[in-house]
Each structure stands twice: as structure tokens, then as C-alpha cells.
PDB file of N, CA and C in Angstrom:
ATOM      1  N   UNK A   1       0.468  -0.701  -0.150  1.00  0.00           N
ATOM      2  CA  UNK A   1      -0.276   0.034  -0.313  1.00  0.00           C
ATOM      3  C   UNK A   1       0.905   0.458  -0.247  1.00  0.00           C
ATOM      4  N   UNK A   2       0.634   1.746  -1.015  1.00  0.00           N
ATOM      5  CA  UNK A   2       1.175   3.681  -0.993  1.00  0.00           C
ATOM      6  C   UNK A   2       0.344   4.731  -0.574  1.00  0.00           C
ATOM      7  N   UNK A   3       0.665   6.028   0.028  1.00  0.00           N
ATOM      8  CA  UNK A   3      -0.088   6.360   0.536  1.00  0.00           C
ATOM      9  C   UNK A   3       1.192   7.869   0.352  1.00  0.00           C
ATOM     10  N   UNK A   4       0.209   9.561   0.307  1.00  0.00           N
ATOM     11  CA  UNK A   4       0.544  10.707  -0.396  1.00  0.00           C
ATOM     12  C   UNK A   4       1.804  10.676   0.295  1.00  0.00           C
ATOM     13  N   UNK A   5       1.163  10.648   1.719  1.00  0.00           N
ATOM     14  CA  UNK A   5       2.241  11.244   2.919  1.00  0.00           C
ATOM     15  C   UNK A   5       1.808  10.637   4.051  1.00  0.00           C
ATOM     16  N   UNK A   6       2.781  10.860   5.562  1.00  0.00           N
ATOM     17  CA  UNK A   6       2.889  10.027   6.835  1.00  0.00           C
ATOM     18  C   UNK A   6       1.837   9.817   6.825  1.00  0.00           C
ATOM     19  N   UNK A   7       1.276  11.434   7.003  1.00  0.00           N
ATOM     20  CA  UNK A   7      -0.023  11.958   8.314  1.00  0.00           C
ATOM     21  C   UNK A   7      -1.818  10.864   7.114  1.00  0.00           C
ATOM     22  N   UNK A   8      -1.331  10.821   5.473  1.00  0.00           N
ATOM     23  CA  UNK A   8      -2.637  10.120   4.804  1.00  0.00           C
ATOM     24  C   UNK A   8      -2.036   8.580   5.294  1.00  0.00           C
ATOM     25  N   UNK A   9      -1.025   8.392   5.540  1.00  0.00           N
ATOM     26  CA  UNK A   9      -1.569   6.443   5.905  1.00  0.00           C
ATOM     27  C   UNK A   9      -1.622   5.995   7.779  1.00  0.00           C
ATOM     28  N   UNK A  10      -1.495   7.587   8.454  1.00  0.00           N
ATOM     29  CA  UNK A  10      -1.202   7.649   9.977  1.00  0.00           C
ATOM     30  C   UNK A  10      -2.807   7.813  10.185  1.00  0.00           C
ATOM     31  N   UNK A  11      -3.307   8.711   9.188  1.00  0.00           N
ATOM     32  CA  UNK A  11      -5.038   8.730   9.089  1.00  0.00           C
ATOM     33  C   UNK A  11      -6.029   7.174   8.641  1.00  0.00           C
ATOM     34  N   UNK A  12      -5.468   6.839   7.914  1.00  0.00           N
ATOM     35  CA  UNK A  12      -6.452   5.144   6.662  1.00  0.00           C
ATOM     36  C   UNK A  12      -6.179   3.713   8.809  1.00  0.00           C
ATOM     37  N   UNK A  13      -4.255   3.867   8.549  1.00  0.00           N
ATOM     38  CA  UNK A  13      -4.494   3.139  10.226  1.00  0.00           C
ATOM     39  C   UNK A  13      -4.825   2.885  11.004  1.00  0.00           C
ATOM     40  N   UNK A  14      -5.128   4.601  11.795  1.00  0.00           N
ATOM     41  CA  UNK A  14      -5.972   5.018  12.814  1.00  0.00           C
ATOM     42  C   UNK A  14      -7.217   4.344  12.702  1.00  0.00           C
ATOM     43  N   UNK A  15      -7.494   4.739  11.576  1.00  0.00           N
ATOM     44  CA  UNK A  15      -9.328   4.416  10.992  1.00  0.00           C
ATOM     45  C   UNK A  15      -9.212   2.859  11.354  1.00  0.00           C
ATOM     46  N   UNK A  16      -9.131   1.982  10.745  1.00  0.00           N
ATOM     47  CA  UNK A  16      -8.209   0.435  11.251  1.00  0.00           C
ATOM     48  C   UNK A  16      -8.812   0.606  12.709  1.00  0.00           C
ATOM     49  N   UNK A  17      -7.721   0.884  13.104  1.00  0.00           N
ATOM     50  CA  UNK A  17      -7.715   0.079  14.414  1.00  0.00           C
ATOM     51  C   UNK A  17      -8.828   0.760  15.832  1.00  0.00           C
ATOM     52  N   UNK A  18      -8.819   1.901  15.034  1.00  0.00           N
ATOM     53  CA  UNK A  18     -10.127   2.425  15.985  1.00  0.00           C
ATOM     54  C   UNK A  18     -11.948   1.707  15.551  1.00  0.00           C
ATOM     55  N   UNK A  19     -11.533   1.185  14.506  1.00  0.00           N
ATOM     56  CA  UNK A  19     -12.500  -0.233  14.230  1.00  0.00           C
ATOM     57  C   UNK A  19     -12.323  -1.123  15.159  1.00  0.00           C
ATOM     58  N   UNK A  20     -11.271  -1.609  15.077  1.00  0.00           N
ATOM     59  CA  UNK A  20     -10.441  -3.116  15.689  1.00  0.00           C
ATOM     60  C   UNK A  20     -10.548  -2.788  17.748  1.00  0.00           C
ATOM     61  N   UNK A  21     -10.897  -1.724  18.444  1.00  0.00           N
ATOM     62  CA  UNK A  21     -10.927  -1.110  19.259  1.00  0.00           C
ATOM     63  C   UNK A  21     -12.225  -1.472  20.257  1.00  0.00           C
ATOM     64  N   UNK A  22     -12.957  -2.128  19.480  1.00  0.00           N
ATOM     65  CA  UNK A  22     -14.780  -2.358  19.152  1.00  0.00           C
ATOM     66  C   UNK A  22     -14.688  -3.319  19.531  1.00  0.00           C
ATOM     67  N   UNK A  23     -13.841  -4.032  19.136  1.00  0.00           N
ATOM     68  CA  UNK A  23     -14.368  -5.771  19.182  1.00  0.00           C
ATOM     69  C   UNK A  23     -13.776  -5.964  20.694  1.00  0.00           C
ATOM     70  N   UNK A  24     -14.619  -6.629  20.828  1.00  0.00           N
ATOM     71  CA  UNK A  24     -14.683  -6.947  22.155  1.00  0.00           C
ATOM     72  C   UNK A  24     -13.876  -7.913  22.717  1.00  0.00           C
ATOM     73  N   UNK A  25     -13.391  -9.315  22.108  1.00  0.00           N
ATOM     74  CA  UNK A  25     -12.445 -10.172  21.863  1.00  0.00           C
ATOM     75  C   UNK A  25     -11.305  -9.912  21.546  1.00  0.00           C
ATOM     76  N   UNK A  26     -10.972  -8.476  21.066  1.00  0.00           N
ATOM     77  CA  UNK A  26      -9.811  -8.198  20.563  1.00  0.00           C
ATOM     78  C   UNK A  26      -9.305  -6.801  22.061  1.00  0.00           C
ATOM     79  N   UNK A  27     -10.160  -6.629  22.632  1.00  0.00           N
ATOM     80  CA  UNK A  27      -9.679  -6.024  24.206  1.00  0.00           C
ATOM     81  C   UNK A  27      -9.137  -6.895  25.667  1.00  0.00           C
ATOM     82  N   UNK A  28      -9.914  -8.791  24.978  1.00  0.00           N
ATOM     83  CA  UNK A  28      -9.582  -9.536  26.275  1.00  0.00           C
ATOM     84  C   UNK A  28      -8.294 -10.467  26.332  1.00  0.00           C
ATOM     85  N   UNK A  29      -7.448  -9.490  24.973  1.00  0.00           N
ATOM     86  CA  UNK A  29      -6.066 -10.198  24.774  1.00  0.00           C
ATOM     87  C   UNK A  29      -5.845  -9.579  26.606  1.00  0.00           C
ATOM     88  N   UNK A  30      -5.187 -10.961  26.629  1.00  0.00           N
ATOM     89  CA  UNK A  30      -3.699 -10.630  27.122  1.00  0.00           C
ATOM     90  C   UNK A  30      -2.866  -9.308  27.350  1.00  0.00           C
ATOM     91  N   UNK A  31      -2.754  -8.060  28.401  1.00  0.00           N
ATOM     92  CA  UNK A  31      -2.453  -6.948  27.888  1.00  0.00           C
ATOM     93  C   UNK A  31      -2.505  -5.817  27.230  1.00  0.00           C
ATOM     94  N   UNK A  32      -3.947  -6.102  27.021  1.00  0.00           N
ATOM     95  CA  UNK A  32      -4.481  -5.089  26.255  1.00  0.00           C
ATOM     96  C   UNK A  32      -4.598  -3.499  27.721  1.00  0.00           C
ATOM     97  N   UNK A  33      -4.096  -2.326  27.534  1.00  0.00           N
ATOM     98  CA  UNK A  33      -3.645  -1.631  28.506  1.00  0.00           C
ATOM     99  C   UNK A  33      -5.471  -1.084  28.457  1.00  0.00           C
ATOM    100  N   UNK A  34      -5.764  -0.791  30.438  1.00  0.00           N
ATOM    101  CA  UNK A  34      -6.585  -0.197  30.376  1.00  0.00           C
ATOM    102  C   UNK A  34      -6.714   1.552  29.868  1.00  0.00           C
ATOM    103  N   UNK A  35      -7.179   2.037  29.395  1.00  0.00           N
ATOM    104  CA  UNK A  35      -7.302   3.761  28.874  1.00  0.00           C
ATOM    105  C   UNK A  35      -8.324   3.604  27.529  1.00  0.00           C
ATOM    106  N   UNK A  36      -8.670   5.018  27.602  1.00  0.00           N
ATOM    107  CA  UNK A  36     -10.051   5.154  26.565  1.00  0.00           C
ATOM    108  C   UNK A  36      -9.130   5.338  24.971  1.00  0.00           C
ATOM    109  N   UNK A  37     -10.077   4.887  23.965  1.00  0.00           N
ATOM    110  CA  UNK A  37      -9.569   4.791  22.859  1.00  0.00           C
ATOM    111  C   UNK A  37      -8.992   5.983  22.374  1.00  0.00           C
ATOM    112  N   UNK A  38      -9.568   7.540  23.146  1.00  0.00           N
ATOM    113  CA  UNK A  38      -8.486   7.995  22.326  1.00  0.00           C
ATOM    114  C   UNK A  38      -6.867   8.554  22.551  1.00  0.00           C
ATOM    115  N   UNK A  39      -6.771   7.572  23.955  1.00  0.00           N
ATOM    116  CA  UNK A  39      -5.283   7.974  25.322  1.00  0.00           C
ATOM    117  C   UNK A  39      -4.539   6.794  23.619  1.00  0.00           C
ATOM    118  N   UNK A  40      -4.772   5.482  23.129  1.00  0.00           N
ATOM    119  CA  UNK A  40      -4.506   4.544  22.847  1.00  0.00           C
ATOM    120  C   UNK A  40      -4.437   4.824  21.432  1.00  0.00           C
ATOM    121  N   UNK A  41      -5.054   5.834  20.399  1.00  0.00           N
ATOM    122  CA  UNK A  41      -5.239   6.624  19.823  1.00  0.00           C
ATOM    123  C   UNK A  41      -4.217   7.350  18.985  1.00  0.00           C
ATOM    124  N   UNK A  42      -3.707   8.453  20.534  1.00  0.00           N
ATOM    125  CA  UNK A  42      -2.982   8.820  20.329  1.00  0.00           C
ATOM    126  C   UNK A  42      -1.852   8.764  20.650  1.00  0.00           C
ATOM    127  N   UNK A  43      -2.227   7.724  21.056  1.00  0.00           N
ATOM    128  CA  UNK A  43      -0.262   6.873  21.471  1.00  0.00           C
ATOM    129  C   UNK A  43       0.287   6.121  20.754  1.00  0.00           C
ATOM    130  N   UNK A  44      -0.141   5.830  19.466  1.00  0.00           N
ATOM    131  CA  UNK A  44      -0.308   4.537  18.286  1.00  0.00           C
ATOM    132  C   UNK A  44      -0.006   5.035  17.410  1.00  0.00           C
ATOM    133  N   UNK A  45       0.616   4.289  16.954  1.00  0.00           N
ATOM    134  CA  UNK A  45       1.511   5.326  15.229  1.00  0.00           C
ATOM    135  C   UNK A  45       1.482   4.140  14.215  1.00  0.00           C
ATOM    136  N   UNK A  46       0.333   3.784  14.234  1.00  0.00           N
ATOM    137  CA  UNK A  46      -0.114   2.716  12.963  1.00  0.00           C
ATOM    138  C   UNK A  46       0.309   1.906  11.651  1.00  0.00           C
ATOM    139  N   UNK A  47       0.446   1.152  10.876  1.00  0.00           N
ATOM    140  CA  UNK A  47       0.682  -0.255  11.895  1.00  0.00           C
ATOM    141  C   UNK A  47       1.862  -0.688  12.672  1.00  0.00           C
ATOM    142  N   UNK A  48       2.808   0.206  12.756  1.00  0.00           N
ATOM    143  CA  UNK A  48       3.596  -0.048  13.033  1.00  0.00           C
ATOM    144  C   UNK A  48       4.368   0.126  14.479  1.00  0.00           C
ATOM    145  N   UNK A  49       3.592   0.661  15.115  1.00  0.00           N
ATOM    146  CA  UNK A  49       3.377   0.648  16.980  1.00  0.00           C
ATOM    147  C   UNK A  49       2.012   1.046  17.060  1.00  0.00           C
ATOM    148  N   UNK A  50       1.516  -0.046  18.605  1.00  0.00           N
ATOM    149  CA  UNK A  50       0.036   0.499  18.795  1.00  0.00           C
ATOM    150  C   UNK A  50       0.511   0.028  20.294  1.00  0.00           C
ATOM    151  N   UNK A  51      -0.846   1.131  20.842  1.00  0.00           N
ATOM    152  CA  UNK A  51      -0.128   1.053  22.607  1.00  0.00           C
ATOM    153  C   UNK A  51      -1.125   0.495  22.656  1.00  0.00           C
ATOM    154  N   UNK A  52      -1.146  -0.765  21.919  1.00  0.00           N
ATOM    155  CA  UNK A  52      -2.163  -2.043  22.472  1.00  0.00           C
ATOM    156  C   UNK A  52      -2.032  -3.363  21.885  1.00  0.00           C
ATOM    157  N   UNK A  53      -2.578  -4.666  22.550  1.00  0.00           N
ATOM    158  CA  UNK A  53      -2.030  -5.108  20.878  1.00  0.00           C
ATOM    159  C   UNK A  53      -1.788  -5.256  19.233  1.00  0.00           C
ATOM    160  N   UNK A  54      -0.637  -4.880  18.523  1.00  0.00           N
ATOM    161  CA  UNK A  54      -0.768  -4.950  17.571  1.00  0.00           C
ATOM    162  C   UNK A  54      -1.752  -5.739  16.335  1.00  0.00           C
ATOM    163  N   UNK A  55      -3.375  -4.394  16.456  1.00  0.00           N
ATOM    164  CA  UNK A  55      -4.211  -5.607  15.331  1.00  0.00           C
ATOM    165  C   UNK A  55      -3.441  -6.847  13.888  1.00  0.00           C
ATOM    166  N   UNK A  56      -2.061  -5.522  13.017  1.00  0.00           N
ATOM    167  CA  UNK A  56      -1.828  -5.131  12.934  1.00  0.00           C
ATOM    168  C   UNK A  56      -0.490  -6.280  12.160  1.00  0.00           C
ATOM    169  N   UNK A  57      -0.205  -7.251  13.293  1.00  0.00           N
ATOM    170  CA  UNK A  57       0.521  -8.294  13.239  1.00  0.00           C
ATOM    171  C   UNK A  57      -0.146  -9.254  13.759  1.00  0.00           C
ATOM    172  N   UNK A  58      -1.092  -9.215  14.233  1.00  0.00           N
ATOM    173  CA  UNK A  58      -2.070 -10.868  15.131  1.00  0.00           C
ATOM    174  C   UNK A  58      -2.616 -11.063  13.435  1.00  0.00           C
ATOM    175  N   UNK A  59      -2.399 -12.926  13.270  1.00  0.00           N
ATOM    176  CA  UNK A  59      -3.069 -12.870  12.005  1.00  0.00           C
ATOM    177  C   UNK A  59      -4.241 -14.241  12.716  1.00  0.00           C
TER     178      UNK A  59
END
């Protein structure tokens, strides 16, 4: 996948991560942080780093 810049890449993957955070089964993964979704999104740079278990690495 290619993007015109890092902001576009981040916006795309942030939206995907936002949707994944709605999944209750995903939230039950060991190591999932206690915190608001917006805080998790603010600390993340998906798909490379997420402040929760990285759904882009979990298959």
C-alpha cells in the first residue's frame, strides 16, 4: 500500500485501529491496556506501533 504522505498513512490506519478497538474479543487479549480509545490512538503510530496488542501483526 502506498500513501501520498505519512499523515495519510496514519489517518488510514488510525481508522482501522479505531474500528478494531470496538471488538470486545480484541480487548480481552492479555496485555490490553486500561485506557480510553482516544488515548490509545494518540499514543499509536499504526501499523508500526500500537499502544495495545498490534492487530496488524495478529493473524
